[in-house]
Amino acid sequence: MERLGKGISAATPKSVAQAFEQHLRKIKAWLSEQANMQVLYVDYAAVLEDPNREALKIRAFLGQELDVDAMVRKVEHSLYREKLSSKVKA
């Protein structure tokens, strides 16, 4: 926008979060109208709470033989604390 000579106002973390949430609502609405698509929503907190259960849901959704144990080992609980601390700063 600057290159085009148009000013850019600084976005607050709150306004960015609101825009992102609005965008997600639009995407979810669009996806719900697509008869040829199936969607599995994976809740981040649920993955941290019970990674094995959520990995099994993903495997069932995809209909593939997946290494659930390997999936569970990839869950990084420490990243959740980083997410929480960044939320507090916003």
PDB file of N, CA and C in Angstrom:
ATOM      1  N   MET A   1       0.814  -1.176   0.000  1.00  0.00           N
ATOM      2  CA  MET A   1       0.000   0.000   0.000  1.00  0.00           C
ATOM      3  C   MET A   1       0.872   1.260   0.000  1.00  0.00           C
ATOM      4  N   GLU A   2       1.955   1.204   0.760  1.00  0.00           N
ATOM      5  CA  GLU A   2       2.845   2.371   0.778  1.00  0.00           C
ATOM      6  C   GLU A   2       3.392   2.661  -0.612  1.00  0.00           C
ATOM      7  N   ARG A   3       3.713   1.613  -1.342  1.00  0.00           N
ATOM      8  CA  ARG A   3       4.245   1.765  -2.695  1.00  0.00           C
ATOM      9  C   ARG A   3       3.232   2.458  -3.599  1.00  0.00           C
ATOM     10  N   LEU A   4       1.963   2.263  -3.321  1.00  0.00           N
ATOM     11  CA  LEU A   4       0.905   2.882  -4.116  1.00  0.00           C
ATOM     12  C   LEU A   4       0.552   4.275  -3.610  1.00  0.00           C
ATOM     13  N   GLY A   5       1.260   4.724  -2.575  1.00  0.00           N
ATOM     14  CA  GLY A   5       1.020   6.050  -2.035  1.00  0.00           C
ATOM     15  C   GLY A   5      -0.170   6.131  -1.110  1.00  0.00           C
ATOM     16  N   LYS A   6      -0.596   4.980  -0.619  1.00  0.00           N
ATOM     17  CA  LYS A   6      -1.733   4.951   0.302  1.00  0.00           C
ATOM     18  C   LYS A   6      -1.212   4.670   1.703  1.00  0.00           C
ATOM     19  N   GLY A   7      -1.669   5.421   2.653  1.00  0.00           N
ATOM     20  CA  GLY A   7      -1.239   5.257   4.035  1.00  0.00           C
ATOM     21  C   GLY A   7      -1.729   3.942   4.634  1.00  0.00           C
ATOM     22  N   ILE A   8      -0.981   3.476   5.578  1.00  0.00           N
ATOM     23  CA  ILE A   8      -1.342   2.251   6.282  1.00  0.00           C
ATOM     24  C   ILE A   8      -1.423   2.579   7.769  1.00  0.00           C
ATOM     25  N   SER A   9      -2.562   2.291   8.352  1.00  0.00           N
ATOM     26  CA  SER A   9      -2.675   2.508   9.793  1.00  0.00           C
ATOM     27  C   SER A   9      -2.178   1.259  10.513  1.00  0.00           C
ATOM     28  N   ALA A  10      -1.575   1.469  11.654  1.00  0.00           N
ATOM     29  CA  ALA A  10      -1.059   0.353  12.440  1.00  0.00           C
ATOM     30  C   ALA A  10      -2.231  -0.454  12.990  1.00  0.00           C
ATOM     31  N   ALA A  11      -2.164  -1.747  12.815  1.00  0.00           N
ATOM     32  CA  ALA A  11      -3.215  -2.621  13.310  1.00  0.00           C
ATOM     33  C   ALA A  11      -2.884  -3.038  14.738  1.00  0.00           C
ATOM     34  N   THR A  12      -3.893  -3.006  15.575  1.00  0.00           N
ATOM     35  CA  THR A  12      -3.700  -3.461  16.948  1.00  0.00           C
ATOM     36  C   THR A  12      -3.828  -4.985  16.976  1.00  0.00           C
ATOM     37  N   PRO A  13      -3.210  -5.625  17.956  1.00  0.00           N
ATOM     38  CA  PRO A  13      -3.371  -7.083  18.062  1.00  0.00           C
ATOM     39  C   PRO A  13      -4.838  -7.488  18.143  1.00  0.00           C
ATOM     40  N   LYS A  14      -5.639  -6.679  18.824  1.00  0.00           N
ATOM     41  CA  LYS A  14      -7.069  -6.999  18.942  1.00  0.00           C
ATOM     42  C   LYS A  14      -7.763  -6.944  17.584  1.00  0.00           C
ATOM     43  N   SER A  15      -7.458  -5.924  16.772  1.00  0.00           N
ATOM     44  CA  SER A  15      -8.112  -5.817  15.464  1.00  0.00           C
ATOM     45  C   SER A  15      -7.659  -6.931  14.524  1.00  0.00           C
ATOM     46  N   VAL A  16      -6.409  -7.329  14.629  1.00  0.00           N
ATOM     47  CA  VAL A  16      -5.911  -8.445  13.811  1.00  0.00           C
ATOM     48  C   VAL A  16      -6.626  -9.729  14.217  1.00  0.00           C
ATOM     49  N   ALA A  17      -6.761  -9.959  15.523  1.00  0.00           N
ATOM     50  CA  ALA A  17      -7.454 -11.155  16.013  1.00  0.00           C
ATOM     51  C   ALA A  17      -8.905 -11.163  15.552  1.00  0.00           C
ATOM     52  N   GLN A  18      -9.565 -10.024  15.616  1.00  0.00           N
ATOM     53  CA  GLN A  18     -10.965  -9.934  15.173  1.00  0.00           C
ATOM     54  C   GLN A  18     -11.089 -10.218  13.677  1.00  0.00           C
ATOM     55  N   ALA A  19     -10.189  -9.669  12.893  1.00  0.00           N
ATOM     56  CA  ALA A  19     -10.216  -9.912  11.442  1.00  0.00           C
ATOM     57  C   ALA A  19      -9.974 -11.388  11.147  1.00  0.00           C
ATOM     58  N   PHE A  20      -9.043 -11.994  11.877  1.00  0.00           N
ATOM     59  CA  PHE A  20      -8.754 -13.416  11.678  1.00  0.00           C
ATOM     60  C   PHE A  20      -9.964 -14.269  12.034  1.00  0.00           C
ATOM     61  N   GLU A  21     -10.610 -13.960  13.162  1.00  0.00           N
ATOM     62  CA  GLU A  21     -11.796 -14.719  13.575  1.00  0.00           C
ATOM     63  C   GLU A  21     -12.928 -14.567  12.560  1.00  0.00           C
ATOM     64  N   GLN A  22     -13.096 -13.363  12.020  1.00  0.00           N
ATOM     65  CA  GLN A  22     -14.121 -13.136  11.003  1.00  0.00           C
ATOM     66  C   GLN A  22     -13.819 -13.957   9.748  1.00  0.00           C
ATOM     67  N   HIS A  23     -12.557 -13.977   9.365  1.00  0.00           N
ATOM     68  CA  HIS A  23     -12.136 -14.753   8.201  1.00  0.00           C
ATOM     69  C   HIS A  23     -12.401 -16.244   8.427  1.00  0.00           C
ATOM     70  N   LEU A  24     -12.088 -16.742   9.621  1.00  0.00           N
ATOM     71  CA  LEU A  24     -12.346 -18.153   9.927  1.00  0.00           C
ATOM     72  C   LEU A  24     -13.837 -18.480   9.866  1.00  0.00           C
ATOM     73  N   ARG A  25     -14.674 -17.572  10.365  1.00  0.00           N
ATOM     74  CA  ARG A  25     -16.124 -17.802  10.293  1.00  0.00           C
ATOM     75  C   ARG A  25     -16.587 -17.914   8.839  1.00  0.00           C
ATOM     76  N   LYS A  26     -16.055 -17.055   7.978  1.00  0.00           N
ATOM     77  CA  LYS A  26     -16.415 -17.108   6.555  1.00  0.00           C
ATOM     78  C   LYS A  26     -15.967 -18.421   5.923  1.00  0.00           C
ATOM     79  N   ILE A  27     -14.755 -18.841   6.253  1.00  0.00           N
ATOM     80  CA  ILE A  27     -14.241 -20.104   5.702  1.00  0.00           C
ATOM     81  C   ILE A  27     -15.090 -21.273   6.177  1.00  0.00           C
ATOM     82  N   LYS A  28     -15.413 -21.303   7.471  1.00  0.00           N
ATOM     83  CA  LYS A  28     -16.237 -22.396   8.008  1.00  0.00           C
ATOM     84  C   LYS A  28     -17.607 -22.421   7.340  1.00  0.00           C
ATOM     85  N   ALA A  29     -18.190 -21.249   7.125  1.00  0.00           N
ATOM     86  CA  ALA A  29     -19.497 -21.182   6.459  1.00  0.00           C
ATOM     87  C   ALA A  29     -19.380 -21.713   5.035  1.00  0.00           C
ATOM     88  N   TRP A  30     -18.333 -21.308   4.326  1.00  0.00           N
ATOM     89  CA  TRP A  30     -18.134 -21.770   2.953  1.00  0.00           C
ATOM     90  C   TRP A  30     -17.941 -23.288   2.926  1.00  0.00           C
ATOM     91  N   LEU A  31     -17.109 -23.793   3.825  1.00  0.00           N
ATOM     92  CA  LEU A  31     -16.858 -25.234   3.869  1.00  0.00           C
ATOM     93  C   LEU A  31     -18.127 -26.024   4.158  1.00  0.00           C
ATOM     94  N   SER A  32     -18.988 -25.492   5.014  1.00  0.00           N
ATOM     95  CA  SER A  32     -20.219 -26.208   5.355  1.00  0.00           C
ATOM     96  C   SER A  32     -21.154 -26.330   4.159  1.00  0.00           C
ATOM     97  N   GLU A  33     -20.968 -25.476   3.158  1.00  0.00           N
ATOM     98  CA  GLU A  33     -21.807 -25.506   1.953  1.00  0.00           C
ATOM     99  C   GLU A  33     -21.234 -26.404   0.854  1.00  0.00           C
ATOM    100  N   GLN A  34     -20.047 -26.947   1.063  1.00  0.00           N
ATOM    101  CA  GLN A  34     -19.390 -27.754   0.049  1.00  0.00           C
ATOM    102  C   GLN A  34     -19.730 -29.231   0.244  1.00  0.00           C
ATOM    103  N   ALA A  35     -20.591 -29.731  -0.615  1.00  0.00           N
ATOM    104  CA  ALA A  35     -21.029 -31.120  -0.495  1.00  0.00           C
ATOM    105  C   ALA A  35     -19.899 -32.109  -0.782  1.00  0.00           C
ATOM    106  N   ASN A  36     -18.895 -31.665  -1.506  1.00  0.00           N
ATOM    107  CA  ASN A  36     -17.814 -32.559  -1.906  1.00  0.00           C
ATOM    108  C   ASN A  36     -16.625 -32.529  -0.945  1.00  0.00           C
ATOM    109  N   MET A  37     -16.777 -31.866   0.199  1.00  0.00           N
ATOM    110  CA  MET A  37     -15.657 -31.747   1.142  1.00  0.00           C
ATOM    111  C   MET A  37     -16.076 -32.196   2.529  1.00  0.00           C
ATOM    112  N   GLN A  38     -15.164 -32.876   3.182  1.00  0.00           N
ATOM    113  CA  GLN A  38     -15.347 -33.224   4.586  1.00  0.00           C
ATOM    114  C   GLN A  38     -14.247 -32.525   5.367  1.00  0.00           C
ATOM    115  N   VAL A  39     -14.605 -32.041   6.527  1.00  0.00           N
ATOM    116  CA  VAL A  39     -13.649 -31.289   7.340  1.00  0.00           C
ATOM    117  C   VAL A  39     -13.607 -31.880   8.739  1.00  0.00           C
ATOM    118  N   LEU A  40     -12.427 -31.996   9.267  1.00  0.00           N
ATOM    119  CA  LEU A  40     -12.245 -32.388  10.659  1.00  0.00           C
ATOM    120  C   LEU A  40     -11.626 -31.201  11.378  1.00  0.00           C
ATOM    121  N   TYR A  41     -12.336 -30.669  12.342  1.00  0.00           N
ATOM    122  CA  TYR A  41     -11.798 -29.581  13.140  1.00  0.00           C
ATOM    123  C   TYR A  41     -11.064 -30.192  14.327  1.00  0.00           C
ATOM    124  N   VAL A  42      -9.824 -29.776  14.492  1.00  0.00           N
ATOM    125  CA  VAL A  42      -8.986 -30.304  15.562  1.00  0.00           C
ATOM    126  C   VAL A  42      -8.749 -29.178  16.559  1.00  0.00           C
ATOM    127  N   ASP A  43      -9.197 -29.394  17.775  1.00  0.00           N
ATOM    128  CA  ASP A  43      -9.055 -28.392  18.828  1.00  0.00           C
ATOM    129  C   ASP A  43      -7.684 -28.516  19.484  1.00  0.00           C
ATOM    130  N   TYR A  44      -6.956 -27.409  19.493  1.00  0.00           N
ATOM    131  CA  TYR A  44      -5.593 -27.377  20.014  1.00  0.00           C
ATOM    132  C   TYR A  44      -5.536 -27.850  21.470  1.00  0.00           C
ATOM    133  N   ALA A  45      -6.439 -27.330  22.290  1.00  0.00           N
ATOM    134  CA  ALA A  45      -6.455 -27.714  23.707  1.00  0.00           C
ATOM    135  C   ALA A  45      -6.766 -29.200  23.875  1.00  0.00           C
ATOM    136  N   ALA A  46      -7.637 -29.735  23.026  1.00  0.00           N
ATOM    137  CA  ALA A  46      -7.970 -31.164  23.099  1.00  0.00           C
ATOM    138  C   ALA A  46      -6.764 -32.020  22.743  1.00  0.00           C
ATOM    139  N   VAL A  47      -5.966 -31.565  21.789  1.00  0.00           N
ATOM    140  CA  VAL A  47      -4.752 -32.301  21.418  1.00  0.00           C
ATOM    141  C   VAL A  47      -3.793 -32.335  22.599  1.00  0.00           C
ATOM    142  N   LEU A  48      -3.655 -31.222  23.286  1.00  0.00           N
ATOM    143  CA  LEU A  48      -2.765 -31.181  24.453  1.00  0.00           C
ATOM    144  C   LEU A  48      -3.304 -32.033  25.596  1.00  0.00           C
ATOM    145  N   GLU A  49      -4.613 -32.050  25.743  1.00  0.00           N
ATOM    146  CA  GLU A  49      -5.239 -32.803  26.829  1.00  0.00           C
ATOM    147  C   GLU A  49      -5.116 -34.307  26.613  1.00  0.00           C
ATOM    148  N   ASP A  50      -5.381 -34.757  25.393  1.00  0.00           N
ATOM    149  CA  ASP A  50      -5.336 -36.193  25.098  1.00  0.00           C
ATOM    150  C   ASP A  50      -4.866 -36.398  23.655  1.00  0.00           C
ATOM    151  N   PRO A  51      -3.550 -36.300  23.433  1.00  0.00           N
ATOM    152  CA  PRO A  51      -3.016 -36.412  22.072  1.00  0.00           C
ATOM    153  C   PRO A  51      -3.379 -37.729  21.392  1.00  0.00           C
ATOM    154  N   ASN A  52      -3.403 -38.807  22.142  1.00  0.00           N
ATOM    155  CA  ASN A  52      -3.711 -40.117  21.549  1.00  0.00           C
ATOM    156  C   ASN A  52      -5.137 -40.143  20.995  1.00  0.00           C
ATOM    157  N   ARG A  53      -6.082 -39.663  21.783  1.00  0.00           N
ATOM    158  CA  ARG A  53      -7.487 -39.638  21.331  1.00  0.00           C
ATOM    159  C   ARG A  53      -7.628 -38.814  20.052  1.00  0.00           C
ATOM    160  N   GLU A  54      -6.997 -37.644  20.025  1.00  0.00           N
ATOM    161  CA  GLU A  54      -7.118 -36.772  18.859  1.00  0.00           C
ATOM    162  C   GLU A  54      -6.406 -37.357  17.640  1.00  0.00           C
ATOM    163  N   ALA A  55      -5.280 -38.016  17.855  1.00  0.00           N
ATOM    164  CA  ALA A  55      -4.571 -38.661  16.741  1.00  0.00           C
ATOM    165  C   ALA A  55      -5.415 -39.790  16.162  1.00  0.00           C
ATOM    166  N   LEU A  56      -6.105 -40.510  17.026  1.00  0.00           N
ATOM    167  CA  LEU A  56      -6.992 -41.571  16.542  1.00  0.00           C
ATOM    168  C   LEU A  56      -8.141 -40.994  15.709  1.00  0.00           C
ATOM    169  N   LYS A  57      -8.663 -39.843  16.138  1.00  0.00           N
ATOM    170  CA  LYS A  57      -9.723 -39.183  15.359  1.00  0.00           C
ATOM    171  C   LYS A  57      -9.210 -38.786  13.974  1.00  0.00           C
ATOM    172  N   ILE A  58      -7.989 -38.267  13.938  1.00  0.00           N
ATOM    173  CA  ILE A  58      -7.399 -37.855  12.656  1.00  0.00           C
ATOM    174  C   ILE A  58      -7.202 -39.068  11.764  1.00  0.00           C
ATOM    175  N   ARG A  59      -6.693 -40.143  12.335  1.00  0.00           N
ATOM    176  CA  ARG A  59      -6.477 -41.368  11.559  1.00  0.00           C
ATOM    177  C   ARG A  59      -7.802 -41.890  11.006  1.00  0.00           C
ATOM    178  N   ALA A  60      -8.837 -41.899  11.839  1.00  0.00           N
ATOM    179  CA  ALA A  60     -10.151 -42.373  11.384  1.00  0.00           C
ATOM    180  C   ALA A  60     -10.711 -41.466  10.289  1.00  0.00           C
ATOM    181  N   PHE A  61     -10.555 -40.170  10.449  1.00  0.00           N
ATOM    182  CA  PHE A  61     -11.054 -39.216   9.455  1.00  0.00           C
ATOM    183  C   PHE A  61     -10.369 -39.434   8.105  1.00  0.00           C
ATOM    184  N   LEU A  62      -9.059 -39.626   8.139  1.00  0.00           N
ATOM    185  CA  LEU A  62      -8.311 -39.791   6.887  1.00  0.00           C
ATOM    186  C   LEU A  62      -8.465 -41.190   6.308  1.00  0.00           C
ATOM    187  N   GLY A  63      -8.865 -42.137   7.151  1.00  0.00           N
ATOM    188  CA  GLY A  63      -9.045 -43.509   6.670  1.00  0.00           C
ATOM    189  C   GLY A  63      -7.732 -44.150   6.252  1.00  0.00           C
ATOM    190  N   GLN A  64      -6.672 -43.758   6.926  1.00  0.00           N
ATOM    191  CA  GLN A  64      -5.336 -44.264   6.590  1.00  0.00           C
ATOM    192  C   GLN A  64      -4.711 -44.904   7.827  1.00  0.00           C
ATOM    193  N   GLU A  65      -3.796 -45.806   7.582  1.00  0.00           N
ATOM    194  CA  GLU A  65      -3.005 -46.348   8.679  1.00  0.00           C
ATOM    195  C   GLU A  65      -1.901 -45.348   8.973  1.00  0.00           C
ATOM    196  N   LEU A  66      -2.008 -44.687  10.089  1.00  0.00           N
ATOM    197  CA  LEU A  66      -1.019 -43.696  10.491  1.00  0.00           C
ATOM    198  C   LEU A  66      -0.353 -44.146  11.783  1.00  0.00           C
ATOM    199  N   ASP A  67       0.848 -43.709  12.000  1.00  0.00           N
ATOM    200  CA  ASP A  67       1.586 -44.032  13.213  1.00  0.00           C
ATOM    201  C   ASP A  67       1.133 -43.078  14.319  1.00  0.00           C
ATOM    202  N   VAL A  68       0.125 -43.500  15.042  1.00  0.00           N
ATOM    203  CA  VAL A  68      -0.465 -42.669  16.085  1.00  0.00           C
ATOM    204  C   VAL A  68       0.564 -42.354  17.165  1.00  0.00           C
ATOM    205  N   ASP A  69       1.387 -43.331  17.523  1.00  0.00           N
ATOM    206  CA  ASP A  69       2.403 -43.087  18.548  1.00  0.00           C
ATOM    207  C   ASP A  69       3.370 -41.982  18.113  1.00  0.00           C
ATOM    208  N   ALA A  70       3.761 -41.993  16.849  1.00  0.00           N
ATOM    209  CA  ALA A  70       4.659 -40.948  16.341  1.00  0.00           C
ATOM    210  C   ALA A  70       3.959 -39.591  16.362  1.00  0.00           C
ATOM    211  N   MET A  71       2.675 -39.578  16.048  1.00  0.00           N
ATOM    212  CA  MET A  71       1.918 -38.335  16.079  1.00  0.00           C
ATOM    213  C   MET A  71       1.877 -37.779  17.503  1.00  0.00           C
ATOM    214  N   VAL A  72       1.626 -38.655  18.451  1.00  0.00           N
ATOM    215  CA  VAL A  72       1.544 -38.248  19.857  1.00  0.00           C
ATOM    216  C   VAL A  72       2.879 -37.691  20.333  1.00  0.00           C
ATOM    217  N   ARG A  73       3.962 -38.308  19.905  1.00  0.00           N
ATOM    218  CA  ARG A  73       5.296 -37.842  20.324  1.00  0.00           C
ATOM    219  C   ARG A  73       5.617 -36.448  19.792  1.00  0.00           C
ATOM    220  N   LYS A  74       4.958 -36.018  18.751  1.00  0.00           N
ATOM    221  CA  LYS A  74       5.229 -34.706  18.158  1.00  0.00           C
ATOM    222  C   LYS A  74       4.497 -33.562  18.862  1.00  0.00           C
ATOM    223  N   VAL A  75       3.595 -33.869  19.756  1.00  0.00           N
ATOM    224  CA  VAL A  75       2.863 -32.818  20.467  1.00  0.00           C
ATOM    225  C   VAL A  75       3.817 -32.150  21.453  1.00  0.00           C
ATOM    226  N   GLU A  76       3.968 -30.845  21.293  1.00  0.00           N
ATOM    227  CA  GLU A  76       4.876 -30.053  22.136  1.00  0.00           C
ATOM    228  C   GLU A  76       4.067 -29.242  23.143  1.00  0.00           C
ATOM    229  N   HIS A  77       3.953 -29.746  24.351  1.00  0.00           N
ATOM    230  CA  HIS A  77       3.185 -29.046  25.383  1.00  0.00           C
ATOM    231  C   HIS A  77       3.805 -27.693  25.721  1.00  0.00           C
ATOM    232  N   SER A  78       5.104 -27.554  25.574  1.00  0.00           N
ATOM    233  CA  SER A  78       5.769 -26.292  25.916  1.00  0.00           C
ATOM    234  C   SER A  78       5.310 -25.152  25.007  1.00  0.00           C
ATOM    235  N   LEU A  79       4.896 -25.459  23.787  1.00  0.00           N
ATOM    236  CA  LEU A  79       4.444 -24.409  22.871  1.00  0.00           C
ATOM    237  C   LEU A  79       3.142 -23.780  23.339  1.00  0.00           C
ATOM    238  N   TYR A  80       2.341 -24.532  24.076  1.00  0.00           N
ATOM    239  CA  TYR A  80       1.083 -23.995  24.574  1.00  0.00           C
ATOM    240  C   TYR A  80       1.345 -22.865  25.564  1.00  0.00           C
ATOM    241  N   ARG A  81       2.369 -23.020  26.390  1.00  0.00           N
ATOM    242  CA  ARG A  81       2.715 -21.955  27.331  1.00  0.00           C
ATOM    243  C   ARG A  81       3.129 -20.702  26.573  1.00  0.00           C
ATOM    244  N   GLU A  82       3.859 -20.875  25.472  1.00  0.00           N
ATOM    245  CA  GLU A  82       4.245 -19.725  24.666  1.00  0.00           C
ATOM    246  C   GLU A  82       3.013 -19.031  24.097  1.00  0.00           C
ATOM    247  N   LYS A  83       2.039 -19.813  23.673  1.00  0.00           N
ATOM    248  CA  LYS A  83       0.806 -19.257  23.143  1.00  0.00           C
ATOM    249  C   LYS A  83       0.079 -18.483  24.239  1.00  0.00           C
ATOM    250  N   LEU A  84       0.014 -19.049  25.425  1.00  0.00           N
ATOM    251  CA  LEU A  84      -0.659 -18.372  26.533  1.00  0.00           C
ATOM    252  C   LEU A  84       0.044 -17.079  26.914  1.00  0.00           C
ATOM    253  N   SER A  85       1.370 -17.108  26.969  1.00  0.00           N
ATOM    254  CA  SER A  85       2.096 -15.911  27.372  1.00  0.00           C
ATOM    255  C   SER A  85       1.964 -14.815  26.317  1.00  0.00           C
ATOM    256  N   SER A  86       1.893 -15.183  25.042  1.00  0.00           N
ATOM    257  CA  SER A  86       1.723 -14.164  24.009  1.00  0.00           C
ATOM    258  C   SER A  86       0.323 -13.594  24.043  1.00  0.00           C
ATOM    259  N   LYS A  87      -0.669 -14.380  24.472  1.00  0.00           N
ATOM    260  CA  LYS A  87      -2.037 -13.893  24.599  1.00  0.00           C
ATOM    261  C   LYS A  87      -2.128 -12.829  25.691  1.00  0.00           C
ATOM    262  N   VAL A  88      -1.402 -13.049  26.768  1.00  0.00           N
ATOM    263  CA  VAL A  88      -1.407 -12.107  27.874  1.00  0.00           C
ATOM    264  C   VAL A  88      -0.816 -10.773  27.446  1.00  0.00           C
ATOM    265  N   LYS A  89       0.195 -10.811  26.586  1.00  0.00           N
ATOM    266  CA  LYS A  89       0.866  -9.592  26.132  1.00  0.00           C
ATOM    267  C   LYS A  89       0.002  -8.776  25.170  1.00  0.00           C
ATOM    268  N   ALA A  90      -0.922  -9.444  24.478  1.00  0.00           N
ATOM    269  CA  ALA A  90      -1.729  -8.772  23.444  1.00  0.00           C
ATOM    270  C   ALA A  90      -2.712  -7.781  23.998  1.00  0.00           C
TER     271      ALA A  90
END
